Amino acid sequence: MVLPYKDSPEEGICAICQDLLKEAVSTDCGHLFCRACLAQHVEKASGDLCCPLCRKPCSEGVLGEGYLCHSHQKRVCRFCEEHKLLLCVECLESPEHQPHPEPTIKEAISHYRERLSRRSRKLKKDLAELQRLQAQQEEKPQALRLCALPWQGPDQLEAASAERAGTLSLWEAIAQLSNLVADLERTAKELDATTLKNASDVLSRSAPQNLDGLFPLLPPTGPAPR
């Protein structure tokens, strides 16, 4: 049975990491551990689960429903990257998953965290370049940037309109990219077995082919072509 607890000194110390409990869960025998610490213990366990402290048996669902296979109600141990599914030992026997090796949950978390961090670093560079262009736009006199002056001819009016549209698109691109970088960093920080699918979705949203609309705004000296 999983019991929710708040992160506070009153909740005690995790017996595994010897630090304050974070997202505390209780084993069947009543001992408390950080969810992440107990998840690592469960992944390494072979055979029947037991409490890391007193060695008494634990139920398969000690970490909560997110760590149980919905098909077989057994603890998950692998992650299928092709189908974005958590798998238990019975799932691995299915012909659907036998043709290709599935990483352990620990391997998948490490792999996706590195990919999220790498993508975040790349997009931060692109964001800095867009912000540099925005600063250049803001240095121009406001009348030239956003206003059509009464004495301007048709060509000047058209140029002013294009300038205004480009400036607004730049602001929108910066906002979109800033939100995406924040999503990448938050997902990497919070990554565990239950959020592996979310990591895959965020990486897909931040894939270069899905961001092509943002980068025509950058000059040739900006980020390398995608």
Foldseek 3Di string as FASTA:
>chain_A
DFDFDDQDPVVDAAPQPRHGADRWTAFPVGHIHHLVRVVVVVLPDDDFDADPPPRHGGDQQRSHPLQADPVPRGGFWFADPVVRDTHHPVRCPDPVNVVDDTHTQVVLLVVLLVVLVVLLVQLVQVLVQLVVVLVVLVVDPPCQQAHDDPPDDPVSVVVNVVSNVLNVLSVVLNVVSVVLSVLSVVCSVPDGSSCSSVSVVSCVCSDPVNSVVSPVSGDPVGDDDD
